[in-house]
Amino acid sequence: TKGMRGRLIRLPEAAGADSGTTDGQEPALRMAVLGDSVAAGV
């Protein structure tokens, strides 16, 4: 990994709203996604 780090392309985190609501029956299930690059939408 040390040799690869300098050659890897860094992708940005997902842009736009960091929250939303899907269609469906109420009451809505409230879901939080917490974490690193996968959760950040890189």
PDB file of all heavy atoms in Angstrom:
ATOM      1  N   THR A   1       0.814  -1.214   0.000  1.00  0.00           N
ATOM      2  CA  THR A   1       0.000   0.000   0.000  1.00  0.00           C
ATOM      3  C   THR A   1       0.848   1.264   0.000  1.00  0.00           C
ATOM      4  O   THR A   1       0.444   2.269  -0.547  1.00  0.00           O
ATOM      5  CB  THR A   1      -0.962   0.040   1.203  1.00  0.00           C
ATOM      6  OG1 THR A   1      -0.199  -0.049   2.402  1.00  0.00           O
ATOM      7  CG2 THR A   1      -1.985  -1.067   1.121  1.00  0.00           C
ATOM      8  N   LYS A   2       2.011   1.225   0.606  1.00  0.00           N
ATOM      9  CA  LYS A   2       2.857   2.416   0.626  1.00  0.00           C
ATOM     10  C   LYS A   2       3.294   2.794  -0.781  1.00  0.00           C
ATOM     11  O   LYS A   2       3.330   3.950  -1.133  1.00  0.00           O
ATOM     12  CB  LYS A   2       4.074   2.200   1.521  1.00  0.00           C
ATOM     13  CG  LYS A   2       3.740   2.212   2.986  1.00  0.00           C
ATOM     14  CD  LYS A   2       4.989   2.087   3.823  1.00  0.00           C
ATOM     15  CE  LYS A   2       4.624   2.094   5.287  1.00  0.00           C
ATOM     16  NZ  LYS A   2       5.780   1.977   6.144  1.00  0.00           N
ATOM     17  N   GLY A   3       3.615   1.836  -1.604  1.00  0.00           N
ATOM     18  CA  GLY A   3       4.020   2.111  -2.972  1.00  0.00           C
ATOM     19  C   GLY A   3       2.866   2.570  -3.846  1.00  0.00           C
ATOM     20  O   GLY A   3       3.046   3.317  -4.797  1.00  0.00           O
ATOM     21  N   MET A   4       1.674   2.149  -3.527  1.00  0.00           N
ATOM     22  CA  MET A   4       0.501   2.478  -4.329  1.00  0.00           C
ATOM     23  C   MET A   4      -0.074   3.845  -3.998  1.00  0.00           C
ATOM     24  O   MET A   4      -0.680   4.482  -4.845  1.00  0.00           O
ATOM     25  CB  MET A   4      -0.600   1.429  -4.116  1.00  0.00           C
ATOM     26  CG  MET A   4      -0.281   0.076  -4.680  1.00  0.00           C
ATOM     27  SD  MET A   4      -0.123   0.105  -6.473  1.00  0.00           S
ATOM     28  CE  MET A   4      -1.773   0.512  -6.959  1.00  0.00           C
ATOM     29  N   ARG A   5       0.084   4.323  -2.779  1.00  0.00           N
ATOM     30  CA  ARG A   5      -0.569   5.567  -2.353  1.00  0.00           C
ATOM     31  C   ARG A   5      -0.252   6.743  -3.259  1.00  0.00           C
ATOM     32  O   ARG A   5      -1.125   7.530  -3.567  1.00  0.00           O
ATOM     33  CB  ARG A   5      -0.204   5.912  -0.916  1.00  0.00           C
ATOM     34  CG  ARG A   5      -0.917   5.051   0.071  1.00  0.00           C
ATOM     35  CD  ARG A   5      -0.622   5.531   1.478  1.00  0.00           C
ATOM     36  NE  ARG A   5      -1.112   4.569   2.422  1.00  0.00           N
ATOM     37  CZ  ARG A   5      -2.156   4.760   3.193  1.00  0.00           C
ATOM     38  NH1 ARG A   5      -2.799   5.889   3.153  1.00  0.00           N
ATOM     39  NH2 ARG A   5      -2.553   3.840   4.011  1.00  0.00           N
ATOM     40  N   GLY A   6       0.954   6.884  -3.686  1.00  0.00           N
ATOM     41  CA  GLY A   6       1.342   8.018  -4.527  1.00  0.00           C
ATOM     42  C   GLY A   6       0.755   7.953  -5.926  1.00  0.00           C
ATOM     43  O   GLY A   6       0.651   8.960  -6.603  1.00  0.00           O
ATOM     44  N   ARG A   7       0.336   6.779  -6.350  1.00  0.00           N
ATOM     45  CA  ARG A   7      -0.195   6.610  -7.709  1.00  0.00           C
ATOM     46  C   ARG A   7      -1.714   6.527  -7.775  1.00  0.00           C
ATOM     47  O   ARG A   7      -2.279   6.484  -8.856  1.00  0.00           O
ATOM     48  CB  ARG A   7       0.401   5.358  -8.335  1.00  0.00           C
ATOM     49  CG  ARG A   7       1.902   5.477  -8.514  1.00  0.00           C
ATOM     50  CD  ARG A   7       2.451   4.267  -9.169  1.00  0.00           C
ATOM     51  NE  ARG A   7       2.361   3.152  -8.219  1.00  0.00           N
ATOM     52  CZ  ARG A   7       3.020   2.021  -8.342  1.00  0.00           C
ATOM     53  NH1 ARG A   7       3.784   1.820  -9.377  1.00  0.00           N
ATOM     54  NH2 ARG A   7       2.903   1.074  -7.453  1.00  0.00           N
ATOM     55  N   LEU A   8      -2.365   6.487  -6.639  1.00  0.00           N
ATOM     56  CA  LEU A   8      -3.822   6.378  -6.625  1.00  0.00           C
ATOM     57  C   LEU A   8      -4.475   7.727  -6.906  1.00  0.00           C
ATOM     58  O   LEU A   8      -4.003   8.767  -6.463  1.00  0.00           O
ATOM     59  CB  LEU A   8      -4.308   5.869  -5.266  1.00  0.00           C
ATOM     60  CG  LEU A   8      -3.915   4.440  -4.923  1.00  0.00           C
ATOM     61  CD1 LEU A   8      -4.397   4.095  -3.521  1.00  0.00           C
ATOM     62  CD2 LEU A   8      -4.481   3.459  -5.915  1.00  0.00           C
ATOM     63  N   ILE A   9      -5.562   7.694  -7.638  1.00  0.00           N
ATOM     64  CA  ILE A   9      -6.332   8.905  -7.910  1.00  0.00           C
ATOM     65  C   ILE A   9      -7.321   9.091  -6.773  1.00  0.00           C
ATOM     66  O   ILE A   9      -8.052   8.175  -6.414  1.00  0.00           O
ATOM     67  CB  ILE A   9      -7.102   8.771  -9.240  1.00  0.00           C
ATOM     68  CG1 ILE A   9      -6.119   8.600 -10.386  1.00  0.00           C
ATOM     69  CG2 ILE A   9      -8.012   9.959  -9.465  1.00  0.00           C
ATOM     70  CD1 ILE A   9      -6.784   8.222 -11.694  1.00  0.00           C
ATOM     71  N   ARG A  10      -7.347  10.281  -6.193  1.00  0.00           N
ATOM     72  CA  ARG A  10      -8.285  10.579  -5.114  1.00  0.00           C
ATOM     73  C   ARG A  10      -9.589  11.091  -5.715  1.00  0.00           C
ATOM     74  O   ARG A  10      -9.612  12.121  -6.375  1.00  0.00           O
ATOM     75  CB  ARG A  10      -7.716  11.615  -4.161  1.00  0.00           C
ATOM     76  CG  ARG A  10      -6.528  11.103  -3.392  1.00  0.00           C
ATOM     77  CD  ARG A  10      -6.485  11.756  -2.028  1.00  0.00           C
ATOM     78  NE  ARG A  10      -5.346  11.314  -1.292  1.00  0.00           N
ATOM     79  CZ  ARG A  10      -5.406  10.369  -0.357  1.00  0.00           C
ATOM     80  NH1 ARG A  10      -6.541   9.800  -0.075  1.00  0.00           N
ATOM     81  NH2 ARG A  10      -4.336  10.004   0.293  1.00  0.00           N
ATOM     82  N   LEU A  11     -10.659  10.362  -5.487  1.00  0.00           N
ATOM     83  CA  LEU A  11     -11.968  10.760  -5.973  1.00  0.00           C
ATOM     84  C   LEU A  11     -12.661  11.610  -4.914  1.00  0.00           C
ATOM     85  O   LEU A  11     -12.472  11.401  -3.712  1.00  0.00           O
ATOM     86  CB  LEU A  11     -12.814   9.527  -6.278  1.00  0.00           C
ATOM     87  CG  LEU A  11     -12.275   8.612  -7.376  1.00  0.00           C
ATOM     88  CD1 LEU A  11     -13.107   7.343  -7.454  1.00  0.00           C
ATOM     89  CD2 LEU A  11     -12.256   9.329  -8.698  1.00  0.00           C
ATOM     90  N   PRO A  12     -13.484  12.554  -5.343  1.00  0.00           N
ATOM     91  CA  PRO A  12     -14.176  13.414  -4.368  1.00  0.00           C
ATOM     92  C   PRO A  12     -15.342  12.688  -3.701  1.00  0.00           C
ATOM     93  O   PRO A  12     -15.874  11.708  -4.231  1.00  0.00           O
ATOM     94  CB  PRO A  12     -14.695  14.561  -5.232  1.00  0.00           C
ATOM     95  CG  PRO A  12     -14.852  13.965  -6.588  1.00  0.00           C
ATOM     96  CD  PRO A  12     -13.756  12.944  -6.717  1.00  0.00           C
ATOM     97  N   GLU A  13     -15.744  13.216  -2.546  1.00  0.00           N
ATOM     98  CA  GLU A  13     -16.946  12.729  -1.882  1.00  0.00           C
ATOM     99  C   GLU A  13     -18.154  13.154  -2.708  1.00  0.00           C
ATOM    100  O   GLU A  13     -18.077  14.089  -3.509  1.00  0.00           O
ATOM    101  CB  GLU A  13     -17.053  13.326  -0.475  1.00  0.00           C
ATOM    102  CG  GLU A  13     -15.963  12.858   0.461  1.00  0.00           C
ATOM    103  CD  GLU A  13     -16.096  13.444   1.861  1.00  0.00           C
ATOM    104  OE1 GLU A  13     -17.126  14.097   2.155  1.00  0.00           O
ATOM    105  OE2 GLU A  13     -15.176  13.249   2.655  1.00  0.00           O
ATOM    106  N   ALA A  14     -19.268  12.480  -2.515  1.00  0.00           N
ATOM    107  CA  ALA A  14     -20.498  12.835  -3.220  1.00  0.00           C
ATOM    108  C   ALA A  14     -20.897  14.270  -2.892  1.00  0.00           C
ATOM    109  O   ALA A  14     -20.732  14.730  -1.766  1.00  0.00           O
ATOM    110  CB  ALA A  14     -21.621  11.879  -2.822  1.00  0.00           C
ATOM    111  N   ALA A  15     -21.393  14.965  -3.893  1.00  0.00           N
ATOM    112  CA  ALA A  15     -21.835  16.350  -3.714  1.00  0.00           C
ATOM    113  C   ALA A  15     -23.341  16.371  -3.455  1.00  0.00           C
ATOM    114  O   ALA A  15     -23.996  15.340  -3.435  1.00  0.00           O
ATOM    115  CB  ALA A  15     -21.501  17.156  -4.967  1.00  0.00           C
ATOM    116  N   GLY A  16     -23.862  17.556  -3.291  1.00  0.00           N
ATOM    117  CA  GLY A  16     -25.302  17.714  -3.130  1.00  0.00           C
ATOM    118  C   GLY A  16     -25.767  17.434  -1.720  1.00  0.00           C
ATOM    119  O   GLY A  16     -24.984  17.342  -0.787  1.00  0.00           O
ATOM    120  N   ALA A  17     -27.074  17.282  -1.597  1.00  0.00           N
ATOM    121  CA  ALA A  17     -27.697  17.091  -0.287  1.00  0.00           C
ATOM    122  C   ALA A  17     -27.203  15.809   0.376  1.00  0.00           C
ATOM    123  O   ALA A  17     -27.073  14.778  -0.273  1.00  0.00           O
ATOM    124  CB  ALA A  17     -29.215  17.041  -0.445  1.00  0.00           C
ATOM    125  N   ASP A  18     -26.938  15.891   1.676  1.00  0.00           N
ATOM    126  CA  ASP A  18     -26.496  14.711   2.419  1.00  0.00           C
ATOM    127  C   ASP A  18     -27.670  14.058   3.160  1.00  0.00           C
ATOM    128  O   ASP A  18     -27.491  13.313   4.109  1.00  0.00           O
ATOM    129  CB  ASP A  18     -25.363  15.051   3.380  1.00  0.00           C
ATOM    130  CG  ASP A  18     -25.748  16.088   4.423  1.00  0.00           C
ATOM    131  OD1 ASP A  18     -26.908  16.545   4.423  1.00  0.00           O
ATOM    132  OD2 ASP A  18     -24.883  16.431   5.245  1.00  0.00           O
ATOM    133  N   SER A  19     -28.879  14.352   2.687  1.00  0.00           N
ATOM    134  CA  SER A  19     -30.069  13.735   3.253  1.00  0.00           C
ATOM    135  C   SER A  19     -31.155  13.695   2.186  1.00  0.00           C
ATOM    136  O   SER A  19     -31.083  14.401   1.184  1.00  0.00           O
ATOM    137  CB  SER A  19     -30.556  14.516   4.476  1.00  0.00           C
ATOM    138  OG  SER A  19     -30.921  15.831   4.103  1.00  0.00           O
ATOM    139  N   GLY A  20     -32.141  12.860   2.425  1.00  0.00           N
ATOM    140  CA  GLY A  20     -33.246  12.757   1.484  1.00  0.00           C
ATOM    141  C   GLY A  20     -34.322  11.844   2.027  1.00  0.00           C
ATOM    142  O   GLY A  20     -34.187  11.271   3.110  1.00  0.00           O
ATOM    143  N   THR A  21     -35.393  11.699   1.266  1.00  0.00           N
ATOM    144  CA  THR A  21     -36.503  10.836   1.653  1.00  0.00           C
ATOM    145  C   THR A  21     -37.007  10.106   0.416  1.00  0.00           C
ATOM    146  O   THR A  21     -37.184  10.723  -0.638  1.00  0.00           O
ATOM    147  CB  THR A  21     -37.652  11.647   2.284  1.00  0.00           C
ATOM    148  OG1 THR A  21     -37.147  12.393   3.396  1.00  0.00           O
ATOM    149  CG2 THR A  21     -38.770  10.740   2.770  1.00  0.00           C
ATOM    150  N   THR A  22     -37.229   8.821   0.559  1.00  0.00           N
ATOM    151  CA  THR A  22     -37.768   8.031  -0.540  1.00  0.00           C
ATOM    152  C   THR A  22     -39.288   8.095  -0.496  1.00  0.00           C
ATOM    153  O   THR A  22     -39.886   8.485   0.512  1.00  0.00           O
ATOM    154  CB  THR A  22     -37.340   6.562  -0.434  1.00  0.00           C
ATOM    155  OG1 THR A  22     -37.949   5.985   0.730  1.00  0.00           O
ATOM    156  CG2 THR A  22     -35.834   6.422  -0.366  1.00  0.00           C
ATOM    157  N   ASP A  23     -39.919   7.664  -1.570  1.00  0.00           N
ATOM    158  CA  ASP A  23     -41.371   7.522  -1.581  1.00  0.00           C
ATOM    159  C   ASP A  23     -41.739   6.303  -0.763  1.00  0.00           C
ATOM    160  O   ASP A  23     -40.950   5.369  -0.618  1.00  0.00           O
ATOM    161  CB  ASP A  23     -41.880   7.345  -3.013  1.00  0.00           C
ATOM    162  CG  ASP A  23     -41.710   8.602  -3.850  1.00  0.00           C
ATOM    163  OD1 ASP A  23     -41.715   9.711  -3.271  1.00  0.00           O
ATOM    164  OD2 ASP A  23     -41.568   8.471  -5.078  1.00  0.00           O
ATOM    165  N   GLY A  24     -42.950   6.289  -0.237  1.00  0.00           N
ATOM    166  CA  GLY A  24     -43.433   5.141   0.512  1.00  0.00           C
ATOM    167  C   GLY A  24     -44.402   5.554   1.581  1.00  0.00           C
ATOM    168  O   GLY A  24     -44.719   6.728   1.747  1.00  0.00           O
ATOM    169  N   GLN A  25     -44.886   4.559   2.305  1.00  0.00           N
ATOM    170  CA  GLN A  25     -45.864   4.806   3.358  1.00  0.00           C
ATOM    171  C   GLN A  25     -45.218   5.464   4.557  1.00  0.00           C
ATOM    172  O   GLN A  25     -44.086   5.161   4.920  1.00  0.00           O
ATOM    173  CB  GLN A  25     -46.518   3.494   3.791  1.00  0.00           C
ATOM    174  CG  GLN A  25     -47.346   2.840   2.715  1.00  0.00           C
ATOM    175  CD  GLN A  25     -47.931   1.507   3.176  1.00  0.00           C
ATOM    176  OE1 GLN A  25     -47.573   0.977   4.232  1.00  0.00           O
ATOM    177  NE2 GLN A  25     -48.822   0.958   2.370  1.00  0.00           N
ATOM    178  N   GLU A  26     -45.963   6.376   5.159  1.00  0.00           N
ATOM    179  CA  GLU A  26     -45.524   7.026   6.395  1.00  0.00           C
ATOM    180  C   GLU A  26     -45.989   6.181   7.578  1.00  0.00           C
ATOM    181  O   GLU A  26     -46.949   5.441   7.450  1.00  0.00           O
ATOM    182  CB  GLU A  26     -46.112   8.445   6.463  1.00  0.00           C
ATOM    183  CG  GLU A  26     -45.621   9.368   5.358  1.00  0.00           C
ATOM    184  CD  GLU A  26     -44.158   9.770   5.505  1.00  0.00           C
ATOM    185  OE1 GLU A  26     -43.635   9.724   6.643  1.00  0.00           O
ATOM    186  OE2 GLU A  26     -43.547  10.119   4.501  1.00  0.00           O
ATOM    187  N   PRO A  27     -45.364   6.251   8.723  1.00  0.00           N
ATOM    188  CA  PRO A  27     -44.234   7.122   9.012  1.00  0.00           C
ATOM    189  C   PRO A  27     -42.945   6.589   8.387  1.00  0.00           C
ATOM    190  O   PRO A  27     -42.758   5.383   8.255  1.00  0.00           O
ATOM    191  CB  PRO A  27     -44.134   7.095  10.544  1.00  0.00           C
ATOM    192  CG  PRO A  27     -44.680   5.749  10.923  1.00  0.00           C
ATOM    193  CD  PRO A  27     -45.751   5.440   9.899  1.00  0.00           C
ATOM    194  N   ALA A  28     -42.087   7.510   8.023  1.00  0.00           N
ATOM    195  CA  ALA A  28     -40.825   7.138   7.394  1.00  0.00           C
ATOM    196  C   ALA A  28     -39.889   6.494   8.414  1.00  0.00           C
ATOM    197  O   ALA A  28     -39.836   6.900   9.570  1.00  0.00           O
ATOM    198  CB  ALA A  28     -40.156   8.362   6.791  1.00  0.00           C
ATOM    199  N   LEU A  29     -39.169   5.497   7.960  1.00  0.00           N
ATOM    200  CA  LEU A  29     -38.082   4.918   8.744  1.00  0.00           C
ATOM    201  C   LEU A  29     -36.915   5.888   8.641  1.00  0.00           C
ATOM    202  O   LEU A  29     -36.547   6.306   7.543  1.00  0.00           O
ATOM    203  CB  LEU A  29     -37.685   3.556   8.165  1.00  0.00           C
ATOM    204  CG  LEU A  29     -36.483   2.877   8.798  1.00  0.00           C
ATOM    205  CD1 LEU A  29     -36.849   2.389  10.198  1.00  0.00           C
ATOM    206  CD2 LEU A  29     -36.014   1.727   7.945  1.00  0.00           C
ATOM    207  N   ARG A  30     -36.350   6.287   9.762  1.00  0.00           N
ATOM    208  CA  ARG A  30     -35.226   7.239   9.757  1.00  0.00           C
ATOM    209  C   ARG A  30     -33.920   6.465   9.815  1.00  0.00           C
ATOM    210  O   ARG A  30     -33.670   5.735  10.767  1.00  0.00           O
ATOM    211  CB  ARG A  30     -35.364   8.207  10.933  1.00  0.00           C
ATOM    212  CG  ARG A  30     -36.592   9.100  10.806  1.00  0.00           C
ATOM    213  CD  ARG A  30     -36.758   9.992  12.024  1.00  0.00           C
ATOM    214  NE  ARG A  30     -36.777   9.216  13.261  1.00  0.00           N
ATOM    215  CZ  ARG A  30     -37.885   8.866  13.910  1.00  0.00           C
ATOM    216  NH1 ARG A  30     -39.053   9.217  13.466  1.00  0.00           N
ATOM    217  NH2 ARG A  30     -37.817   8.172  15.029  1.00  0.00           N
ATOM    218  N   MET A  31     -33.086   6.619   8.777  1.00  0.00           N
ATOM    219  CA  MET A  31     -31.842   5.864   8.653  1.00  0.00           C
ATOM    220  C   MET A  31     -30.658   6.819   8.523  1.00  0.00           C
ATOM    221  O   MET A  31     -30.660   7.702   7.672  1.00  0.00           O
ATOM    222  CB  MET A  31     -31.899   4.967   7.409  1.00  0.00           C
ATOM    223  CG  MET A  31     -30.639   4.148   7.203  1.00  0.00           C
ATOM    224  SD  MET A  31     -30.708   3.157   5.695  1.00  0.00           S
ATOM    225  CE  MET A  31     -30.436   4.416   4.455  1.00  0.00           C
ATOM    226  N   ALA A  32     -29.672   6.629   9.381  1.00  0.00           N
ATOM    227  CA  ALA A  32     -28.436   7.406   9.299  1.00  0.00           C
ATOM    228  C   ALA A  32     -27.316   6.502   8.807  1.00  0.00           C
ATOM    229  O   ALA A  32     -27.226   5.339   9.209  1.00  0.00           O
ATOM    230  CB  ALA A  32     -28.077   7.980  10.671  1.00  0.00           C
ATOM    231  N   VAL A  33     -26.477   7.034   7.936  1.00  0.00           N
ATOM    232  CA  VAL A  33     -25.309   6.304   7.442  1.00  0.00           C
ATOM    233  C   VAL A  33     -24.090   7.054   7.947  1.00  0.00           C
ATOM    234  O   VAL A  33     -23.901   8.239   7.647  1.00  0.00           O
ATOM    235  CB  VAL A  33     -25.318   6.199   5.902  1.00  0.00           C
ATOM    236  CG1 VAL A  33     -24.072   5.493   5.416  1.00  0.00           C
ATOM    237  CG2 VAL A  33     -26.571   5.458   5.431  1.00  0.00           C
ATOM    238  N   LEU A  34     -23.276   6.388   8.720  1.00  0.00           N
ATOM    239  CA  LEU A  34     -22.151   6.979   9.420  1.00  0.00           C
ATOM    240  C   LEU A  34     -20.876   6.281   9.011  1.00  0.00           C
ATOM    241  O   LEU A  34     -20.844   5.054   8.929  1.00  0.00           O
ATOM    242  CB  LEU A  34     -22.388   6.787  10.934  1.00  0.00           C
ATOM    243  CG  LEU A  34     -21.304   7.181  11.905  1.00  0.00           C
ATOM    244  CD1 LEU A  34     -21.197   8.699  11.967  1.00  0.00           C
ATOM    245  CD2 LEU A  34     -21.622   6.625  13.285  1.00  0.00           C
ATOM    246  N   GLY A  35     -19.800   7.044   8.733  1.00  0.00           N
ATOM    247  CA  GLY A  35     -18.557   6.345   8.465  1.00  0.00           C
ATOM    248  C   GLY A  35     -17.533   7.038   7.619  1.00  0.00           C
ATOM    249  O   GLY A  35     -17.392   8.253   7.645  1.00  0.00           O
ATOM    250  N   ASP A  36     -16.816   6.214   6.827  1.00  0.00           N
ATOM    251  CA  ASP A  36     -15.665   6.663   6.059  1.00  0.00           C
ATOM    252  C   ASP A  36     -16.038   6.911   4.601  1.00  0.00           C
ATOM    253  O   ASP A  36     -17.167   7.286   4.293  1.00  0.00           O
ATOM    254  CB  ASP A  36     -14.516   5.670   6.216  1.00  0.00           C
ATOM    255  CG  ASP A  36     -14.872   4.243   5.784  1.00  0.00           C
ATOM    256  OD1 ASP A  36     -15.825   4.064   5.005  1.00  0.00           O
ATOM    257  OD2 ASP A  36     -14.185   3.311   6.217  1.00  0.00           O
ATOM    258  N   SER A  37     -15.108   6.695   3.697  1.00  0.00           N
ATOM    259  CA  SER A  37     -15.296   7.054   2.285  1.00  0.00           C
ATOM    260  C   SER A  37     -16.472   6.355   1.620  1.00  0.00           C
ATOM    261  O   SER A  37     -17.145   6.942   0.775  1.00  0.00           O
ATOM    262  CB  SER A  37     -14.011   6.791   1.497  1.00  0.00           C
ATOM    263  OG  SER A  37     -13.628   5.443   1.603  1.00  0.00           O
ATOM    264  N   VAL A  38     -16.750   5.131   1.999  1.00  0.00           N
ATOM    265  CA  VAL A  38     -17.896   4.431   1.408  1.00  0.00           C
ATOM    266  C   VAL A  38     -19.179   5.154   1.794  1.00  0.00           C
ATOM    267  O   VAL A  38     -20.034   5.440   0.948  1.00  0.00           O
ATOM    268  CB  VAL A  38     -17.942   2.948   1.847  1.00  0.00           C
ATOM    269  CG1 VAL A  38     -19.213   2.277   1.370  1.00  0.00           C
ATOM    270  CG2 VAL A  38     -16.716   2.212   1.331  1.00  0.00           C
ATOM    271  N   ALA A  39     -19.329   5.471   3.061  1.00  0.00           N
ATOM    272  CA  ALA A  39     -20.511   6.201   3.531  1.00  0.00           C
ATOM    273  C   ALA A  39     -20.550   7.617   2.954  1.00  0.00           C
ATOM    274  O   ALA A  39     -21.628   8.163   2.709  1.00  0.00           O
ATOM    275  CB  ALA A  39     -20.527   6.255   5.057  1.00  0.00           C
ATOM    276  N   ALA A  40     -19.377   8.220   2.730  1.00  0.00           N
ATOM    277  CA  ALA A  40     -19.300   9.587   2.191  1.00  0.00           C
ATOM    278  C   ALA A  40     -19.603   9.642   0.697  1.00  0.00           C
ATOM    279  O   ALA A  40     -19.674  10.720   0.119  1.00  0.00           O
ATOM    280  CB  ALA A  40     -17.919  10.187   2.475  1.00  0.00           C
ATOM    281  N   GLY A  41     -19.762   8.492   0.081  1.00  0.00           N
ATOM    282  CA  GLY A  41     -20.135   8.461  -1.330  1.00  0.00           C
ATOM    283  C   GLY A  41     -19.002   8.763  -2.285  1.00  0.00           C
ATOM    284  O   GLY A  41     -19.236   9.263  -3.391  1.00  0.00           O
ATOM    285  N   VAL A  42     -17.766   8.469  -1.893  1.00  0.00           N
ATOM    286  CA  VAL A  42     -16.621   8.745  -2.764  1.00  0.00           C
ATOM    287  C   VAL A  42     -16.822   8.039  -4.104  1.00  0.00           C
ATOM    288  O   VAL A  42     -17.144   6.863  -4.164  1.00  0.00           O
ATOM    289  CB  VAL A  42     -15.301   8.300  -2.102  1.00  0.00           C
ATOM    290  CG1 VAL A  42     -14.153   8.291  -3.090  1.00  0.00           C
ATOM    291  CG2 VAL A  42     -14.981   9.214  -0.924  1.00  0.00           C
TER     292      VAL A  42
END
